[in-house]
Amino acid sequence: YFREGQIIYTYLHLAAEKDLTDALLAKKTKAVAYETI
């Protein structure tokens, strides 16, 4: 469902989620992590 320019606002914990990180980058999604605000 990811798409370019869409904002995903949630807990991400990307340092433990390589596949998710790759998917967000590939789809050029704007990922905003609760845990680093």
All heavy atoms as atom14 arrays in JSON, in Angstrom:
{
  "sequence": "YFREGQIIYTYLHLAAEKDLTDALLAKKTKAVAYETI",
  "atom14_mask": [
    [1, 1, 1, 1, 1, 1, 1, 1, 1, 1, 1, 1, 0, 0],
    [1, 1, 1, 1, 1, 1, 1, 1, 1, 1, 1, 0, 0, 0],
    [1, 1, 1, 1, 1, 1, 1, 1, 1, 1, 1, 0, 0, 0],
    [1, 1, 1, 1, 1, 1, 1, 1, 1, 0, 0, 0, 0, 0],
    [1, 1, 1, 1, 0, 0, 0, 0, 0, 0, 0, 0, 0, 0],
    [1, 1, 1, 1, 1, 1, 1, 1, 1, 0, 0, 0, 0, 0],
    [1, 1, 1, 1, 1, 1, 1, 1, 0, 0, 0, 0, 0, 0],
    [1, 1, 1, 1, 1, 1, 1, 1, 0, 0, 0, 0, 0, 0],
    [1, 1, 1, 1, 1, 1, 1, 1, 1, 1, 1, 1, 0, 0],
    [1, 1, 1, 1, 1, 1, 1, 0, 0, 0, 0, 0, 0, 0],
    [1, 1, 1, 1, 1, 1, 1, 1, 1, 1, 1, 1, 0, 0],
    [1, 1, 1, 1, 1, 1, 1, 1, 0, 0, 0, 0, 0, 0],
    [1, 1, 1, 1, 1, 1, 1, 1, 1, 1, 0, 0, 0, 0],
    [1, 1, 1, 1, 1, 1, 1, 1, 0, 0, 0, 0, 0, 0],
    [1, 1, 1, 1, 1, 0, 0, 0, 0, 0, 0, 0, 0, 0],
    [1, 1, 1, 1, 1, 0, 0, 0, 0, 0, 0, 0, 0, 0],
    [1, 1, 1, 1, 1, 1, 1, 1, 1, 0, 0, 0, 0, 0],
    [1, 1, 1, 1, 1, 1, 1, 1, 1, 0, 0, 0, 0, 0],
    [1, 1, 1, 1, 1, 1, 1, 1, 0, 0, 0, 0, 0, 0],
    [1, 1, 1, 1, 1, 1, 1, 1, 0, 0, 0, 0, 0, 0],
    [1, 1, 1, 1, 1, 1, 1, 0, 0, 0, 0, 0, 0, 0],
    [1, 1, 1, 1, 1, 1, 1, 1, 0, 0, 0, 0, 0, 0],
    [1, 1, 1, 1, 1, 0, 0, 0, 0, 0, 0, 0, 0, 0],
    [1, 1, 1, 1, 1, 1, 1, 1, 0, 0, 0, 0, 0, 0],
    [1, 1, 1, 1, 1, 1, 1, 1, 0, 0, 0, 0, 0, 0],
    [1, 1, 1, 1, 1, 0, 0, 0, 0, 0, 0, 0, 0, 0],
    [1, 1, 1, 1, 1, 1, 1, 1, 1, 0, 0, 0, 0, 0],
    [1, 1, 1, 1, 1, 1, 1, 1, 1, 0, 0, 0, 0, 0],
    [1, 1, 1, 1, 1, 1, 1, 0, 0, 0, 0, 0, 0, 0],
    [1, 1, 1, 1, 1, 1, 1, 1, 1, 0, 0, 0, 0, 0],
    [1, 1, 1, 1, 1, 0, 0, 0, 0, 0, 0, 0, 0, 0],
    [1, 1, 1, 1, 1, 1, 1, 0, 0, 0, 0, 0, 0, 0],
    [1, 1, 1, 1, 1, 0, 0, 0, 0, 0, 0, 0, 0, 0],
    [1, 1, 1, 1, 1, 1, 1, 1, 1, 1, 1, 1, 0, 0],
    [1, 1, 1, 1, 1, 1, 1, 1, 1, 0, 0, 0, 0, 0],
    [1, 1, 1, 1, 1, 1, 1, 0, 0, 0, 0, 0, 0, 0],
    [1, 1, 1, 1, 1, 1, 1, 1, 0, 0, 0, 0, 0, 0]
  ],
  "atom14_positions": [
    [[0.81, -1.22, 0.0], [0.0, 0.0, 0.0], [0.85, 1.27, 0.0], [0.32, 2.37, -0.21], [-0.92, 0.02, 1.22], [-1.86, -1.16, 1.31], [-2.01, -1.86, 2.51], [-2.62, -1.56, 0.21], [-2.89, -2.93, 2.61], [-3.49, -2.64, 0.32], [-3.61, -3.32, 1.52], [-4.48, -4.38, 1.61], [0.0, 0.0, 0.0], [0.0, 0.0, 0.0]],
    [[2.15, 1.15, 0.29], [3.0, 2.33, 0.34], [3.01, 3.03, -1.02], [3.01, 2.38, -2.06], [4.45, 1.97, 0.69], [4.65, 1.37, 2.06], [5.89, 0.89, 2.43], [3.62, 1.3, 2.99], [6.1, 0.34, 3.68], [3.82, 0.75, 4.24], [5.07, 0.26, 4.59], [0.0, 0.0, 0.0], [0.0, 0.0, 0.0], [0.0, 0.0, 0.0]],
    [[3.06, 4.35, -0.99], [3.19, 5.08, -2.25], [4.0, 6.36, -2.05], [4.11, 6.87, -0.93], [1.83, 5.39, -2.85], [0.99, 6.4, -2.1], [-0.29, 6.73, -2.87], [-0.99, 7.85, -2.29], [-1.89, 7.76, -1.33], [-2.21, 6.57, -0.84], [-2.47, 8.84, -0.85], [0.0, 0.0, 0.0], [0.0, 0.0, 0.0], [0.0, 0.0, 0.0]],
    [[4.54, 6.84, -3.12], [5.39, 8.01, -3.08], [4.64, 9.22, -2.54], [3.5, 9.49, -2.95], [5.92, 8.33, -4.49], [6.91, 9.48, -4.52], [7.56, 9.67, -5.88], [7.38, 8.8, -6.75], [8.25, 10.69, -6.07], [0.0, 0.0, 0.0], [0.0, 0.0, 0.0], [0.0, 0.0, 0.0], [0.0, 0.0, 0.0], [0.0, 0.0, 0.0]],
    [[5.27, 9.91, -1.61], [4.69, 11.14, -1.06], [3.74, 10.93, 0.1], [3.4, 11.9, 0.79], [0.0, 0.0, 0.0], [0.0, 0.0, 0.0], [0.0, 0.0, 0.0], [0.0, 0.0, 0.0], [0.0, 0.0, 0.0], [0.0, 0.0, 0.0], [0.0, 0.0, 0.0], [0.0, 0.0, 0.0], [0.0, 0.0, 0.0], [0.0, 0.0, 0.0]],
    [[3.29, 9.71, 0.34], [2.37, 9.46, 1.45], [3.12, 9.52, 2.78], [4.27, 9.08, 2.89], [1.72, 8.09, 1.3], [0.65, 7.79, 2.35], [-0.01, 6.44, 2.11], [0.68, 5.43, 1.95], [-1.33, 6.42, 2.03], [0.0, 0.0, 0.0], [0.0, 0.0, 0.0], [0.0, 0.0, 0.0], [0.0, 0.0, 0.0], [0.0, 0.0, 0.0]],
    [[2.48, 10.09, 3.79], [3.06, 10.18, 5.13], [2.57, 9.0, 5.96], [1.35, 8.75, 6.03], [2.66, 11.49, 5.82], [3.12, 12.7, 5.0], [3.24, 11.56, 7.24], [2.48, 14.01, 5.44], [0.0, 0.0, 0.0], [0.0, 0.0, 0.0], [0.0, 0.0, 0.0], [0.0, 0.0, 0.0], [0.0, 0.0, 0.0], [0.0, 0.0, 0.0]],
    [[3.49, 8.28, 6.57], [3.13, 7.23, 7.53], [3.63, 7.68, 8.89], [4.84, 7.91, 9.09], [3.73, 5.87, 7.15], [3.2, 5.43, 5.79], [3.41, 4.83, 8.22], [3.79, 4.12, 5.29], [0.0, 0.0, 0.0], [0.0, 0.0, 0.0], [0.0, 0.0, 0.0], [0.0, 0.0, 0.0], [0.0, 0.0, 0.0], [0.0, 0.0, 0.0]],
    [[2.72, 7.85, 9.82], [2.98, 8.44, 11.14], [2.67, 7.37, 12.18], [1.5, 7.06, 12.46], [2.08, 9.67, 11.29], [2.19, 10.47, 12.56], [3.42, 10.91, 13.05], [1.04, 10.84, 13.26], [3.5, 11.69, 14.2], [1.1, 11.62, 14.4], [2.34, 12.03, 14.87], [2.41, 12.81, 16.01], [0.0, 0.0, 0.0], [0.0, 0.0, 0.0]],
    [[3.73, 6.76, 12.76], [3.53, 5.62, 13.65], [4.84, 5.29, 14.35], [5.87, 5.92, 14.1], [3.04, 4.39, 12.84], [2.67, 3.35, 13.73], [4.12, 3.87, 11.89], [0.0, 0.0, 0.0], [0.0, 0.0, 0.0], [0.0, 0.0, 0.0], [0.0, 0.0, 0.0], [0.0, 0.0, 0.0], [0.0, 0.0, 0.0], [0.0, 0.0, 0.0]],
    [[4.82, 4.29, 15.24], [6.07, 3.71, 15.72], [6.68, 2.89, 14.59], [5.98, 2.1, 13.95], [5.83, 2.79, 16.92], [5.51, 3.52, 18.21], [4.3, 3.3, 18.86], [6.42, 4.4, 18.78], [3.99, 3.96, 20.04], [6.12, 5.07, 19.96], [4.9, 4.84, 20.58], [4.61, 5.5, 21.75], [0.0, 0.0, 0.0], [0.0, 0.0, 0.0]],
    [[7.97, 3.07, 14.34], [8.63, 2.38, 13.23], [9.74, 1.45, 13.7], [9.88, 0.34, 13.19], [9.18, 3.4, 12.23], [8.13, 4.14, 11.41], [8.76, 5.29, 10.64], [7.42, 3.19, 10.45], [0.0, 0.0, 0.0], [0.0, 0.0, 0.0], [0.0, 0.0, 0.0], [0.0, 0.0, 0.0], [0.0, 0.0, 0.0], [0.0, 0.0, 0.0]],
    [[10.58, 1.89, 14.64], [11.69, 1.07, 15.15], [12.5, 0.46, 14.01], [12.75, -0.74, 13.97], [11.15, -0.03, 16.08], [10.4, 0.5, 17.27], [11.02, 1.16, 18.31], [9.08, 0.47, 17.58], [10.12, 1.51, 19.21], [8.94, 1.11, 18.79], [0.0, 0.0, 0.0], [0.0, 0.0, 0.0], [0.0, 0.0, 0.0], [0.0, 0.0, 0.0]],
    [[12.89, 1.3, 13.06], [13.51, 0.82, 11.83], [14.85, 0.12, 12.04], [15.23, -0.72, 11.23], [13.69, 1.98, 10.84], [12.39, 2.6, 10.29], [12.73, 3.67, 9.26], [11.48, 1.55, 9.68], [0.0, 0.0, 0.0], [0.0, 0.0, 0.0], [0.0, 0.0, 0.0], [0.0, 0.0, 0.0], [0.0, 0.0, 0.0], [0.0, 0.0, 0.0]],
    [[15.57, 0.45, 13.11], [16.87, -0.17, 13.33], [16.77, -1.68, 13.53], [17.77, -2.39, 13.43], [17.57, 0.47, 14.53], [0.0, 0.0, 0.0], [0.0, 0.0, 0.0], [0.0, 0.0, 0.0], [0.0, 0.0, 0.0], [0.0, 0.0, 0.0], [0.0, 0.0, 0.0], [0.0, 0.0, 0.0], [0.0, 0.0, 0.0], [0.0, 0.0, 0.0]],
    [[15.56, -2.17, 13.8], [15.34, -3.62, 13.92], [14.49, -4.14, 12.78], [14.04, -5.3, 12.82], [14.67, -3.93, 15.26], [0.0, 0.0, 0.0], [0.0, 0.0, 0.0], [0.0, 0.0, 0.0], [0.0, 0.0, 0.0], [0.0, 0.0, 0.0], [0.0, 0.0, 0.0], [0.0, 0.0, 0.0], [0.0, 0.0, 0.0], [0.0, 0.0, 0.0]],
    [[14.26, -3.31, 11.74], [13.32, -3.68, 10.67], [13.93, -3.33, 9.3], [13.55, -2.37, 8.66], [11.99, -2.93, 10.86], [11.27, -3.24, 12.16], [10.66, -4.64, 12.17], [10.58, -5.27, 11.09], [10.27, -5.09, 13.26], [0.0, 0.0, 0.0], [0.0, 0.0, 0.0], [0.0, 0.0, 0.0], [0.0, 0.0, 0.0], [0.0, 0.0, 0.0]],
    [[14.88, -4.14, 8.84], [15.55, -3.86, 7.56], [14.58, -3.93, 6.38], [14.61, -3.07, 5.48], [16.69, -4.87, 7.35], [17.47, -4.69, 6.05], [18.21, -3.37, 6.0], [19.33, -3.36, 4.95], [18.88, -3.65, 3.59], [0.0, 0.0, 0.0], [0.0, 0.0, 0.0], [0.0, 0.0, 0.0], [0.0, 0.0, 0.0], [0.0, 0.0, 0.0]],
    [[13.71, -4.94, 6.35], [12.77, -5.08, 5.23], [11.83, -3.88, 5.14], [11.54, -3.39, 4.04], [11.96, -6.37, 5.35], [12.8, -7.61, 5.12], [13.93, -7.48, 4.6], [12.34, -8.72, 5.45], [0.0, 0.0, 0.0], [0.0, 0.0, 0.0], [0.0, 0.0, 0.0], [0.0, 0.0, 0.0], [0.0, 0.0, 0.0], [0.0, 0.0, 0.0]],
    [[11.36, -3.41, 6.28], [10.47, -2.25, 6.3], [11.22, -1.01, 5.83], [10.7, -0.21, 5.05], [9.92, -2.03, 7.72], [9.1, -0.76, 7.96], [7.92, -0.67, 7.01], [8.64, -0.69, 9.41], [0.0, 0.0, 0.0], [0.0, 0.0, 0.0], [0.0, 0.0, 0.0], [0.0, 0.0, 0.0], [0.0, 0.0, 0.0], [0.0, 0.0, 0.0]],
    [[12.45, -0.85, 6.3], [13.26, 0.29, 5.87], [13.43, 0.29, 4.35], [13.24, 1.32, 3.68], [14.64, 0.26, 6.55], [14.46, 0.24, 7.97], [15.47, 1.47, 6.17], [0.0, 0.0, 0.0], [0.0, 0.0, 0.0], [0.0, 0.0, 0.0], [0.0, 0.0, 0.0], [0.0, 0.0, 0.0], [0.0, 0.0, 0.0], [0.0, 0.0, 0.0]],
    [[13.77, -0.86, 3.81], [13.96, -0.97, 2.35], [12.68, -0.64, 1.6], [12.71, 0.04, 0.57], [14.41, -2.39, 1.98], [15.84, -2.68, 2.43], [16.59, -1.73, 2.66], [16.19, -3.88, 2.54], [0.0, 0.0, 0.0], [0.0, 0.0, 0.0], [0.0, 0.0, 0.0], [0.0, 0.0, 0.0], [0.0, 0.0, 0.0], [0.0, 0.0, 0.0]],
    [[11.55, -1.12, 2.11], [10.26, -0.88, 1.44], [9.9, 0.6, 1.46], [9.42, 1.16, 0.46], [9.16, -1.7, 2.09], [0.0, 0.0, 0.0], [0.0, 0.0, 0.0], [0.0, 0.0, 0.0], [0.0, 0.0, 0.0], [0.0, 0.0, 0.0], [0.0, 0.0, 0.0], [0.0, 0.0, 0.0], [0.0, 0.0, 0.0], [0.0, 0.0, 0.0]],
    [[10.1, 1.26, 2.58], [9.8, 2.7, 2.69], [10.67, 3.52, 1.73], [10.2, 4.45, 1.1], [10.01, 3.17, 4.12], [9.02, 2.64, 5.17], [9.52, 2.94, 6.57], [7.63, 3.22, 4.97], [0.0, 0.0, 0.0], [0.0, 0.0, 0.0], [0.0, 0.0, 0.0], [0.0, 0.0, 0.0], [0.0, 0.0, 0.0], [0.0, 0.0, 0.0]],
    [[11.93, 3.13, 1.64], [12.84, 3.85, 0.74], [12.49, 3.6, -0.72], [12.49, 4.52, -1.54], [14.29, 3.44, 1.03], [14.84, 3.83, 2.4], [16.23, 3.23, 2.61], [14.9, 5.34, 2.57], [0.0, 0.0, 0.0], [0.0, 0.0, 0.0], [0.0, 0.0, 0.0], [0.0, 0.0, 0.0], [0.0, 0.0, 0.0], [0.0, 0.0, 0.0]],
    [[12.17, 2.35, -1.04], [11.86, 2.0, -2.43], [10.6, 2.71, -2.92], [10.53, 3.14, -4.08], [11.69, 0.49, -2.56], [0.0, 0.0, 0.0], [0.0, 0.0, 0.0], [0.0, 0.0, 0.0], [0.0, 0.0, 0.0], [0.0, 0.0, 0.0], [0.0, 0.0, 0.0], [0.0, 0.0, 0.0], [0.0, 0.0, 0.0], [0.0, 0.0, 0.0]],
    [[9.62, 2.85, -2.03], [8.36, 3.5, -2.42], [8.39, 5.02, -2.22], [7.4, 5.69, -2.51], [7.21, 2.9, -1.6], [6.94, 1.42, -1.86], [6.42, 1.19, -3.28], [6.09, -0.28, -3.51], [4.9, -0.73, -2.79], [0.0, 0.0, 0.0], [0.0, 0.0, 0.0], [0.0, 0.0, 0.0], [0.0, 0.0, 0.0], [0.0, 0.0, 0.0]],
    [[9.51, 5.54, -1.74], [9.68, 6.99, -1.52], [8.6, 7.56, -0.61], [8.06, 8.64, -0.81], [9.72, 7.74, -2.85], [10.89, 7.35, -3.72], [10.97, 8.2, -4.98], [12.22, 7.85, -5.79], [12.33, 8.68, -7.01], [0.0, 0.0, 0.0], [0.0, 0.0, 0.0], [0.0, 0.0, 0.0], [0.0, 0.0, 0.0], [0.0, 0.0, 0.0]],
    [[8.3, 6.78, 0.43], [7.3, 7.18, 1.42], [7.94, 8.1, 2.46], [9.12, 8.02, 2.74], [6.74, 5.92, 2.11], [6.22, 5.04, 1.12], [5.64, 6.26, 3.09], [0.0, 0.0, 0.0], [0.0, 0.0, 0.0], [0.0, 0.0, 0.0], [0.0, 0.0, 0.0], [0.0, 0.0, 0.0], [0.0, 0.0, 0.0], [0.0, 0.0, 0.0]],
    [[7.13, 8.99, 3.02], [7.59, 9.89, 4.08], [7.24, 9.25, 5.42], [6.07, 9.22, 5.82], [6.91, 11.25, 3.95], [7.18, 11.93, 2.6], [6.33, 13.19, 2.44], [6.51, 13.83, 1.07], [5.66, 15.04, 0.89], [0.0, 0.0, 0.0], [0.0, 0.0, 0.0], [0.0, 0.0, 0.0], [0.0, 0.0, 0.0], [0.0, 0.0, 0.0]],
    [[8.24, 8.7, 6.09], [8.02, 7.92, 7.31], [8.41, 8.74, 8.53], [9.57, 9.12, 8.68], [8.82, 6.63, 7.26], [0.0, 0.0, 0.0], [0.0, 0.0, 0.0], [0.0, 0.0, 0.0], [0.0, 0.0, 0.0], [0.0, 0.0, 0.0], [0.0, 0.0, 0.0], [0.0, 0.0, 0.0], [0.0, 0.0, 0.0], [0.0, 0.0, 0.0]],
    [[7.43, 9.0, 9.39], [7.65, 9.8, 10.6], [7.47, 8.87, 11.8], [6.39, 8.33, 12.02], [6.67, 10.98, 10.68], [6.98, 11.83, 11.91], [6.74, 11.83, 9.42], [0.0, 0.0, 0.0], [0.0, 0.0, 0.0], [0.0, 0.0, 0.0], [0.0, 0.0, 0.0], [0.0, 0.0, 0.0], [0.0, 0.0, 0.0], [0.0, 0.0, 0.0]],
    [[8.53, 8.71, 12.57], [8.53, 7.75, 13.68], [8.21, 8.43, 15.0], [8.89, 9.38, 15.4], [9.9, 7.07, 13.77], [0.0, 0.0, 0.0], [0.0, 0.0, 0.0], [0.0, 0.0, 0.0], [0.0, 0.0, 0.0], [0.0, 0.0, 0.0], [0.0, 0.0, 0.0], [0.0, 0.0, 0.0], [0.0, 0.0, 0.0], [0.0, 0.0, 0.0]],
    [[7.18, 7.94, 15.67], [6.85, 8.46, 16.99], [8.07, 8.47, 17.91], [8.27, 9.41, 18.69], [5.78, 7.59, 17.66], [4.41, 7.58, 17.05], [3.52, 6.55, 17.36], [3.97, 8.58, 16.19], [2.23, 6.52, 16.84], [2.69, 8.56, 15.66], [1.82, 7.52, 15.99], [0.56, 7.49, 15.47], [0.0, 0.0, 0.0], [0.0, 0.0, 0.0]],
    [[8.85, 7.37, 17.84], [9.89, 7.16, 18.84], [11.1, 8.07, 18.69], [11.98, 8.07, 19.55], [10.33, 5.69, 18.86], [11.16, 5.23, 17.68], [10.33, 4.77, 16.49], [9.09, 4.97, 16.51], [10.92, 4.22, 15.55], [0.0, 0.0, 0.0], [0.0, 0.0, 0.0], [0.0, 0.0, 0.0], [0.0, 0.0, 0.0], [0.0, 0.0, 0.0]],
    [[11.19, 8.83, 17.59], [12.34, 9.74, 17.45], [11.94, 11.21, 17.42], [12.8, 12.08, 17.32], [13.17, 9.4, 16.19], [12.4, 9.61, 15.01], [13.68, 7.97, 16.24], [0.0, 0.0, 0.0], [0.0, 0.0, 0.0], [0.0, 0.0, 0.0], [0.0, 0.0, 0.0], [0.0, 0.0, 0.0], [0.0, 0.0, 0.0], [0.0, 0.0, 0.0]],
    [[10.65, 11.51, 17.49], [10.23, 12.9, 17.69], [10.68, 13.34, 19.08], [10.51, 12.61, 20.06], [8.71, 13.05, 17.52], [8.32, 12.88, 16.04], [8.23, 14.4, 18.03], [6.84, 12.95, 15.78], [0.0, 0.0, 0.0], [0.0, 0.0, 0.0], [0.0, 0.0, 0.0], [0.0, 0.0, 0.0], [0.0, 0.0, 0.0], [0.0, 0.0, 0.0]]
  ]
}
